Amino acid sequence: MSAASRPPRPTRCVLFDVDGTLIDALDNQRRVWATWAVHHALDPEEVYRVALRTRPVETFAAVAPDLDPHACLMALHTLEDEDVRSGAYTAFDGASRLLHGLPTGSWALVTSNYAHRVRGRFLRTRLPIPEVIVDAAAVERGKPSPDPYLLAPIGVRLPPQSAGEGRRRAHGGGPVGRGLKAPPTQG
């Protein structure tokens, strides 16, 4: 492709989380954690309560400290991969229209999950798959650390000054994201 026929590089991009933002995966997550908990003779509700606030390895340490965390993680990954193949997923209203309306290369996904699962969910819900997915394997420190959000603009090839602005904001210089204004309150 010649430089003249290449689409222009974006000067800004939109970074989206996946679960709970674009796709409703709450029931799937609850089911996967419940299956894992029952397999280990643990209370599914307690395990899920902990899992909502922590990364999987931290969840295992809290609810099953005597189990091998690596084996626990492999079992959880197997359950999650099976759920991507067989579970029911729904895109939130408006997600498809929103993503299809954005220029190619102007948006990315930042997720605590893994890219292959996100792609599977997006295919199942017919959402477009972006060029860039920053997943759990891409960074050492995941969300809520700013690291994944700092990596995404590099992936969408923003000009260096734009990535620098995101970095400045991520480290305390102002909001990283911009959203819709809430309607005025009636009073």
Protein backbone atom coordinates (compact mmCIF):
# COMPACT_ATOMS: atom_id res chain seq x y z
CA MET A 1 0.00 0.00 0.00
CA SER A 2 1.47 3.35 -0.96
CA ALA A 3 1.72 6.22 1.51
CA ALA A 4 -0.86 8.15 -0.53
CA SER A 5 -3.47 5.35 -0.26
CA ARG A 6 -2.90 4.60 3.44
CA PRO A 7 -5.59 5.93 5.77
CA PRO A 8 -4.31 8.78 7.93
CA ARG A 9 -2.96 7.86 11.34
CA PRO A 10 -5.44 8.73 14.11
CA THR A 11 -4.56 11.63 16.35
CA ARG A 12 -6.81 10.37 19.12
CA CYS A 13 -8.19 6.99 20.07
CA VAL A 14 -10.89 5.58 22.28
CA LEU A 15 -9.93 2.86 24.75
CA PHE A 16 -12.66 0.47 25.84
CA ASP A 17 -12.86 -2.09 28.58
CA VAL A 18 -14.74 -5.21 27.48
CA ASP A 19 -16.70 -7.05 30.17
CA GLY A 20 -19.37 -4.83 31.65
CA THR A 21 -18.71 -2.09 29.10
CA LEU A 22 -19.31 -3.61 25.66
CA ILE A 23 -20.30 -7.17 26.52
CA ASP A 24 -22.49 -8.50 29.32
CA ALA A 25 -20.42 -11.37 30.70
CA LEU A 26 -21.53 -11.23 34.33
CA ASP A 27 -23.50 -14.49 34.27
CA ASN A 28 -20.65 -16.20 32.44
CA GLN A 29 -18.08 -15.07 34.99
CA ARG A 30 -20.30 -16.14 37.87
CA ARG A 31 -20.87 -19.58 36.25
CA VAL A 32 -17.15 -20.16 35.58
CA TRP A 33 -16.16 -19.23 39.13
CA ALA A 34 -19.00 -21.35 40.57
CA THR A 35 -17.86 -24.38 38.57
CA TRP A 36 -14.29 -23.86 39.75
CA ALA A 37 -15.44 -23.44 43.38
CA VAL A 38 -17.66 -26.54 43.39
CA HIS A 39 -14.81 -28.59 41.90
CA HIS A 40 -12.69 -27.55 44.89
CA ALA A 41 -15.52 -27.99 47.46
CA LEU A 42 -15.68 -24.23 48.13
CA ASP A 43 -18.64 -21.91 48.54
CA PRO A 44 -19.37 -20.47 45.06
CA GLU A 45 -20.85 -17.24 46.43
CA GLU A 46 -17.83 -16.53 48.64
CA VAL A 47 -15.39 -17.34 45.84
CA TYR A 48 -17.22 -15.04 43.43
CA ARG A 49 -17.37 -12.25 46.01
CA VAL A 50 -13.58 -12.39 46.33
CA ALA A 51 -13.03 -12.87 42.57
CA LEU A 52 -14.90 -9.65 41.80
CA ARG A 53 -12.27 -7.62 43.66
CA THR A 54 -9.05 -9.49 42.88
CA ARG A 55 -7.06 -11.06 40.09
CA PRO A 56 -7.37 -14.87 39.88
CA VAL A 57 -4.09 -15.70 41.65
CA GLU A 58 -5.05 -13.39 44.50
CA THR A 59 -8.48 -15.04 44.62
CA PHE A 60 -6.90 -18.49 44.92
CA ALA A 61 -4.62 -17.29 47.73
CA ALA A 62 -7.61 -15.89 49.63
CA VAL A 63 -10.10 -18.74 49.20
CA ALA A 64 -7.86 -21.79 48.72
CA PRO A 65 -4.38 -21.06 50.11
CA ASP A 66 -3.49 -24.76 50.26
CA LEU A 67 -4.02 -25.31 46.53
CA ASP A 68 -1.34 -24.87 43.87
CA PRO A 69 -2.08 -21.45 42.30
CA HIS A 70 -0.66 -22.52 38.92
CA ALA A 71 -2.93 -25.58 38.77
CA CYS A 72 -5.87 -23.43 39.88
CA LEU A 73 -5.14 -20.90 37.14
CA MET A 74 -4.86 -23.59 34.46
CA ALA A 75 -8.20 -25.06 35.56
CA LEU A 76 -9.83 -21.62 35.51
CA HIS A 77 -8.39 -20.91 32.04
CA THR A 78 -9.83 -24.20 30.76
CA LEU A 79 -13.26 -23.28 32.12
CA GLU A 80 -13.07 -19.78 30.64
CA ASP A 81 -12.00 -21.07 27.22
CA GLU A 82 -14.88 -23.55 27.21
CA ASP A 83 -17.28 -20.79 28.20
CA VAL A 84 -16.13 -18.64 25.27
CA ARG A 85 -16.99 -21.56 22.96
CA SER A 86 -20.31 -22.54 24.55
CA GLY A 87 -21.57 -19.72 26.80
CA ALA A 88 -24.20 -17.17 25.87
CA TYR A 89 -22.87 -13.63 25.47
CA THR A 90 -24.72 -10.44 24.69
CA ALA A 91 -23.36 -7.14 23.48
CA PHE A 92 -24.85 -4.19 25.33
CA ASP A 93 -27.37 -2.09 23.42
CA GLY A 94 -25.60 0.38 21.19
CA ALA A 95 -22.17 -1.29 21.41
CA SER A 96 -22.23 -2.60 17.84
CA ARG A 97 -23.42 0.68 16.37
CA LEU A 98 -20.84 2.62 18.38
CA LEU A 99 -17.89 0.43 17.38
CA HIS A 100 -18.93 0.17 13.73
CA GLY A 101 -19.22 3.96 13.65
CA LEU A 102 -15.62 4.54 14.76
CA PRO A 103 -12.90 4.84 12.11
CA THR A 104 -10.69 1.77 11.77
CA GLY A 105 -7.59 2.13 13.89
CA SER A 106 -9.09 4.82 16.14
CA TRP A 107 -10.06 2.54 19.00
CA ALA A 108 -8.59 -0.29 21.05
CA LEU A 109 -9.57 -2.66 23.82
CA VAL A 110 -7.94 -2.77 27.25
CA THR A 111 -8.92 -5.90 29.15
CA SER A 112 -7.93 -7.98 32.15
CA ASN A 113 -8.77 -11.04 30.08
CA TYR A 114 -6.82 -12.58 27.20
CA ALA A 115 -7.08 -11.50 23.57
CA HIS A 116 -8.13 -14.92 22.24
CA ARG A 117 -11.14 -14.94 24.58
CA VAL A 118 -12.07 -11.37 23.72
CA ARG A 119 -11.90 -12.17 20.00
CA GLY A 120 -14.11 -15.23 20.59
CA ARG A 121 -16.69 -13.16 22.48
CA PHE A 122 -16.63 -10.42 19.84
CA LEU A 123 -17.15 -12.98 17.06
CA ARG A 124 -20.05 -14.55 18.97
CA THR A 125 -21.69 -11.15 19.51
CA ARG A 126 -20.84 -9.87 16.01
CA LEU A 127 -18.89 -6.91 17.34
CA PRO A 128 -16.03 -5.66 15.17
CA ILE A 129 -12.59 -6.68 16.37
CA PRO A 130 -10.09 -3.83 16.64
CA GLU A 131 -6.52 -3.93 15.46
CA VAL A 132 -5.24 -3.50 19.03
CA ILE A 133 -6.19 -5.48 22.13
CA VAL A 134 -4.09 -4.87 25.23
CA ASP A 135 -4.69 -7.95 27.35
CA ALA A 136 -3.46 -9.52 30.59
CA ALA A 137 -0.45 -11.01 28.80
CA ALA A 138 0.72 -7.63 27.47
CA VAL A 139 1.50 -5.98 30.79
CA GLU A 140 3.03 -6.93 34.10
CA ARG A 141 0.67 -4.72 36.10
CA GLY A 142 -2.93 -4.89 34.95
CA LYS A 143 -5.87 -2.65 35.66
CA PRO A 144 -6.36 -0.53 37.70
CA SER A 145 -2.70 0.31 37.01
CA PRO A 146 -2.41 2.79 34.11
CA ASP A 147 0.08 0.48 32.32
CA PRO A 148 -2.39 -1.16 29.90
CA TYR A 149 -3.93 2.22 29.07
CA LEU A 150 -0.48 3.63 28.32
CA LEU A 151 0.36 0.74 25.99
CA ALA A 152 -2.82 0.96 23.88
CA PRO A 153 -2.07 4.34 22.20
CA ILE A 154 1.29 2.98 21.04
CA GLY A 155 -0.52 0.03 19.45
CA VAL A 156 -2.87 2.28 17.49
CA ARG A 157 0.16 4.28 16.34
CA LEU A 158 -0.78 7.64 17.76
CA PRO A 159 1.70 10.41 17.17
CA PRO A 160 4.24 10.57 20.04
CA GLN A 161 2.81 13.81 21.46
CA SER A 162 -0.64 12.16 21.85
CA ALA A 163 0.77 9.17 23.69
CA GLY A 164 2.73 11.57 25.90
CA GLU A 165 -0.47 13.44 26.78
CA GLY A 166 -2.09 10.15 27.82
CA ARG A 167 0.95 9.26 29.90
CA ARG A 168 0.87 12.66 31.63
CA ARG A 169 -2.81 12.28 32.46
CA ALA A 170 -2.42 8.68 33.61
CA HIS A 171 0.16 9.80 36.15
CA GLY A 172 -2.00 12.44 37.80
CA GLY A 173 -2.25 15.24 35.26
CA GLY A 174 -5.97 15.00 34.57
CA PRO A 175 -8.58 12.57 33.28
CA VAL A 176 -7.44 10.00 30.72
CA GLY A 177 -10.87 9.33 29.27
CA ARG A 178 -13.61 11.60 28.14
CA GLY A 179 -17.22 10.63 28.34
CA LEU A 180 -20.69 11.93 27.88
CA LYS A 181 -21.93 14.64 30.14
CA ALA A 182 -24.60 13.53 32.53
CA PRO A 183 -27.95 15.25 32.05
CA PRO A 184 -28.58 18.12 34.44
CA THR A 185 -30.27 17.10 37.66
CA GLN A 186 -33.78 18.26 38.30
CA GLY A 187 -34.04 20.27 41.43
